[in-house]
Structure formats: structure tokens, C-alpha cells
Amino acid sequence: MKLDWFVKSLLVVIAVLVAIVAFRPVVQPPTVMAQDGSPYPLHIEQGMVSLRKSDGTTTWGKVAVDMRNGDVWGFPMQAQNTPYPVYGPSETPKVSHPVYLGKMAFSEAVR
């Protein structure tokens, strides 16, 4: 008789623990970290600026900062008022190739 009472108590304890494990995500959901999955964490500045290329010529373009290492890239555009590459009439989309402009020393920006 004592063994029967012990087995039933043990089964009740197991059932309660299984219920706690099963309903825990409902009562207290786990924290989720959102990740954008972007392979290139770039900050693209608003508006168009005058970019100075390494050969000394200037052109209009957009500036992008690589937030991983502080590299600054310029993406040339032929027109000042277009936010995307347009180089004349054509059926194929145009590509703006990056021009290295410099580096931001993020490591030195500490107090």
C-alpha cells in the first residue's frame, strides 16, 4: 500500500513538471533578437554630394559608410537630381560602382 501511494505521488510530480515545461513558452515567451540578414551594413547618407575621385575629377553621387570598419564609399551618379544610376536610354539597369573615399576612425571616437 505504501509503494502504491509513493508511485502515484511520483507520477503527479512528473505530470506537474511536464506541464510546467510545456506551458512555460506560453506564459513567458523567449526573447527574440531580430537580425536583418544584410551582408553589408552600410549607412547611406541622404541627398547627393560632389564626390572627388582619385584622379582629381569630381562627379555627383551618394556617400555610404561601412559601419563595420568605417570605410567611406562614394557611388557616382551622372545627374544631381536622380537617387539611382541613370546613364541614358537603355533596357538594362545601370550599375554604379563604388569609389573609395576614405575611412572614419570609429575606434578614436571614445571619451
C-alpha atoms as a PDB file:
ATOM      1  CA  MET A   1       0.000   0.000   0.000  1.00  0.00           C
ATOM      2  CA  LYS A   2       2.827   2.393   0.831  1.00  0.00           C
ATOM      3  CA  LEU A   3       4.509   1.679  -2.509  1.00  0.00           C
ATOM      4  CA  ASP A   4       1.286   2.412  -4.422  1.00  0.00           C
ATOM      5  CA  TRP A   5       0.959   5.813  -2.712  1.00  0.00           C
ATOM      6  CA  PHE A   6       4.619   6.625  -3.498  1.00  0.00           C
ATOM      7  CA  VAL A   7       4.246   5.721  -7.216  1.00  0.00           C
ATOM      8  CA  LYS A   8       1.094   7.832  -7.568  1.00  0.00           C
ATOM      9  CA  SER A   9       2.795  10.802  -5.883  1.00  0.00           C
ATOM     10  CA  LEU A  10       5.799  10.426  -8.150  1.00  0.00           C
ATOM     11  CA  LEU A  11       3.546  10.343 -11.238  1.00  0.00           C
ATOM     12  CA  VAL A  12       1.747  13.501 -10.084  1.00  0.00           C
ATOM     13  CA  VAL A  13       5.081  15.293  -9.579  1.00  0.00           C
ATOM     14  CA  ILE A  14       6.241  14.213 -13.051  1.00  0.00           C
ATOM     15  CA  ALA A  15       2.959  15.379 -14.607  1.00  0.00           C
ATOM     16  CA  VAL A  16       3.238  18.786 -12.905  1.00  0.00           C
ATOM     17  CA  LEU A  17       6.844  19.240 -14.057  1.00  0.00           C
ATOM     18  CA  VAL A  18       5.982  18.249 -17.644  1.00  0.00           C
ATOM     19  CA  ALA A  19       3.089  20.741 -17.580  1.00  0.00           C
ATOM     20  CA  ILE A  20       5.438  23.499 -16.366  1.00  0.00           C
ATOM     21  CA  VAL A  21       7.917  22.741 -19.168  1.00  0.00           C
ATOM     22  CA  ALA A  22       5.124  22.569 -21.762  1.00  0.00           C
ATOM     23  CA  PHE A  23       3.360  25.814 -20.785  1.00  0.00           C
ATOM     24  CA  ARG A  24       6.423  27.917 -19.976  1.00  0.00           C
ATOM     25  CA  PRO A  25       6.782  29.325 -23.554  1.00  0.00           C
ATOM     26  CA  VAL A  26       3.110  30.358 -23.430  1.00  0.00           C
ATOM     27  CA  VAL A  27       3.401  32.192 -20.123  1.00  0.00           C
ATOM     28  CA  GLN A  28       6.916  33.569 -20.592  1.00  0.00           C
ATOM     29  CA  PRO A  29       7.909  33.662 -24.298  1.00  0.00           C
ATOM     30  CA  PRO A  30      11.641  33.604 -25.069  1.00  0.00           C
ATOM     31  CA  THR A  31      13.334  36.817 -26.138  1.00  0.00           C
ATOM     32  CA  VAL A  32      13.855  37.077 -29.874  1.00  0.00           C
ATOM     33  CA  MET A  33      16.728  39.019 -31.418  1.00  0.00           C
ATOM     34  CA  ALA A  34      15.855  40.474 -34.798  1.00  0.00           C
ATOM     35  CA  GLN A  35      18.555  40.297 -37.434  1.00  0.00           C
ATOM     36  CA  ASP A  36      18.237  41.918 -40.819  1.00  0.00           C
ATOM     37  CA  GLY A  37      20.472  39.429 -42.596  1.00  0.00           C
ATOM     38  CA  SER A  38      22.134  42.201 -44.572  1.00  0.00           C
ATOM     39  CA  PRO A  39      25.657  41.161 -45.607  1.00  0.00           C
ATOM     40  CA  TYR A  40      26.726  44.805 -45.985  1.00  0.00           C
ATOM     41  CA  PRO A  41      25.778  47.056 -43.032  1.00  0.00           C
ATOM     42  CA  LEU A  42      26.049  50.360 -44.882  1.00  0.00           C
ATOM     43  CA  HIS A  43      24.731  53.726 -43.780  1.00  0.00           C
ATOM     44  CA  ILE A  44      23.757  55.644 -46.914  1.00  0.00           C
ATOM     45  CA  GLU A  45      23.718  59.406 -46.498  1.00  0.00           C
ATOM     46  CA  GLN A  46      20.705  61.348 -47.719  1.00  0.00           C
ATOM     47  CA  GLY A  47      20.983  63.543 -50.758  1.00  0.00           C
ATOM     48  CA  MET A  48      23.623  63.882 -53.427  1.00  0.00           C
ATOM     49  CA  VAL A  49      27.109  65.257 -52.836  1.00  0.00           C
ATOM     50  CA  SER A  50      30.054  66.138 -55.020  1.00  0.00           C
ATOM     51  CA  LEU A  51      32.482  63.216 -54.993  1.00  0.00           C
ATOM     52  CA  ARG A  52      36.171  63.739 -55.707  1.00  0.00           C
ATOM     53  CA  LYS A  53      37.691  60.695 -57.404  1.00  0.00           C
ATOM     54  CA  SER A  54      41.321  59.647 -57.019  1.00  0.00           C
ATOM     55  CA  ASP A  55      42.172  61.021 -60.475  1.00  0.00           C
ATOM     56  CA  GLY A  56      41.086  64.516 -59.370  1.00  0.00           C
ATOM     57  CA  THR A  57      37.785  64.661 -61.240  1.00  0.00           C
ATOM     58  CA  THR A  58      34.518  65.332 -59.480  1.00  0.00           C
ATOM     59  CA  THR A  59      31.074  63.892 -60.033  1.00  0.00           C
ATOM     60  CA  TRP A  60      27.750  63.764 -58.242  1.00  0.00           C
ATOM     61  CA  GLY A  61      26.956  60.746 -56.155  1.00  0.00           C
ATOM     62  CA  LYS A  62      25.816  59.174 -52.921  1.00  0.00           C
ATOM     63  CA  VAL A  63      28.025  58.533 -49.886  1.00  0.00           C
ATOM     64  CA  ALA A  64      27.866  55.258 -47.961  1.00  0.00           C
ATOM     65  CA  VAL A  65      29.693  54.422 -44.717  1.00  0.00           C
ATOM     66  CA  ASP A  66      30.535  50.808 -43.908  1.00  0.00           C
ATOM     67  CA  MET A  67      29.523  50.554 -40.251  1.00  0.00           C
ATOM     68  CA  ARG A  68      31.792  47.538 -39.609  1.00  0.00           C
ATOM     69  CA  ASN A  69      35.120  49.238 -40.290  1.00  0.00           C
ATOM     70  CA  GLY A  70      34.429  52.928 -41.077  1.00  0.00           C
ATOM     71  CA  ASP A  71      35.309  52.820 -44.789  1.00  0.00           C
ATOM     72  CA  VAL A  72      33.617  55.606 -46.748  1.00  0.00           C
ATOM     73  CA  TRP A  73      32.494  54.823 -50.285  1.00  0.00           C
ATOM     74  CA  GLY A  74      31.056  57.036 -52.989  1.00  0.00           C
ATOM     75  CA  PHE A  75      28.623  55.760 -55.597  1.00  0.00           C
ATOM     76  CA  PRO A  76      28.783  58.065 -58.642  1.00  0.00           C
ATOM     77  CA  MET A  77      25.584  59.186 -60.366  1.00  0.00           C
ATOM     78  CA  GLN A  78      25.609  61.151 -63.595  1.00  0.00           C
ATOM     79  CA  ALA A  79      22.807  63.536 -62.638  1.00  0.00           C
ATOM     80  CA  GLN A  80      22.465  65.567 -59.467  1.00  0.00           C
ATOM     81  CA  ASN A  81      18.719  65.067 -59.112  1.00  0.00           C
ATOM     82  CA  THR A  82      18.432  61.267 -59.509  1.00  0.00           C
ATOM     83  CA  PRO A  83      18.806  59.000 -56.465  1.00  0.00           C
ATOM     84  CA  TYR A  84      19.742  55.985 -58.619  1.00  0.00           C
ATOM     85  CA  PRO A  85      22.149  55.408 -61.544  1.00  0.00           C
ATOM     86  CA  VAL A  86      20.817  56.694 -64.875  1.00  0.00           C
ATOM     87  CA  TYR A  87      23.194  56.924 -67.854  1.00  0.00           C
ATOM     88  CA  GLY A  88      20.940  57.354 -70.873  1.00  0.00           C
ATOM     89  CA  PRO A  89      18.239  55.334 -72.596  1.00  0.00           C
ATOM     90  CA  SER A  90      18.678  51.592 -72.336  1.00  0.00           C
ATOM     91  CA  GLU A  91      16.701  48.488 -71.441  1.00  0.00           C
ATOM     92  CA  THR A  92      19.290  47.156 -68.957  1.00  0.00           C
ATOM     93  CA  PRO A  93      19.570  48.567 -65.428  1.00  0.00           C
ATOM     94  CA  LYS A  94      22.649  50.652 -64.749  1.00  0.00           C
ATOM     95  CA  VAL A  95      25.202  49.885 -62.033  1.00  0.00           C
ATOM     96  CA  SER A  96      27.115  52.459 -60.009  1.00  0.00           C
ATOM     97  CA  HIS A  97      30.493  51.062 -58.978  1.00  0.00           C
ATOM     98  CA  PRO A  98      31.879  52.275 -55.624  1.00  0.00           C
ATOM     99  CA  VAL A  99      34.804  54.672 -55.305  1.00  0.00           C
ATOM    100  CA  TYR A 100      36.848  54.520 -52.093  1.00  0.00           C
ATOM    101  CA  LEU A 101      36.833  57.950 -50.461  1.00  0.00           C
ATOM    102  CA  GLY A 102      38.458  57.379 -47.076  1.00  0.00           C
ATOM    103  CA  LYS A 103      37.945  55.989 -43.612  1.00  0.00           C
ATOM    104  CA  MET A 104      36.161  57.128 -40.460  1.00  0.00           C
ATOM    105  CA  ALA A 105      38.200  56.281 -37.351  1.00  0.00           C
ATOM    106  CA  PHE A 106      35.353  54.966 -35.214  1.00  0.00           C
ATOM    107  CA  SER A 107      37.852  53.494 -32.734  1.00  0.00           C
ATOM    108  CA  GLU A 108      39.060  57.004 -31.811  1.00  0.00           C
ATOM    109  CA  ALA A 109      35.560  58.286 -31.002  1.00  0.00           C
ATOM    110  CA  VAL A 110      35.646  57.454 -27.283  1.00  0.00           C
ATOM    111  CA  ARG A 111      35.608  59.574 -24.143  1.00  0.00           C
END
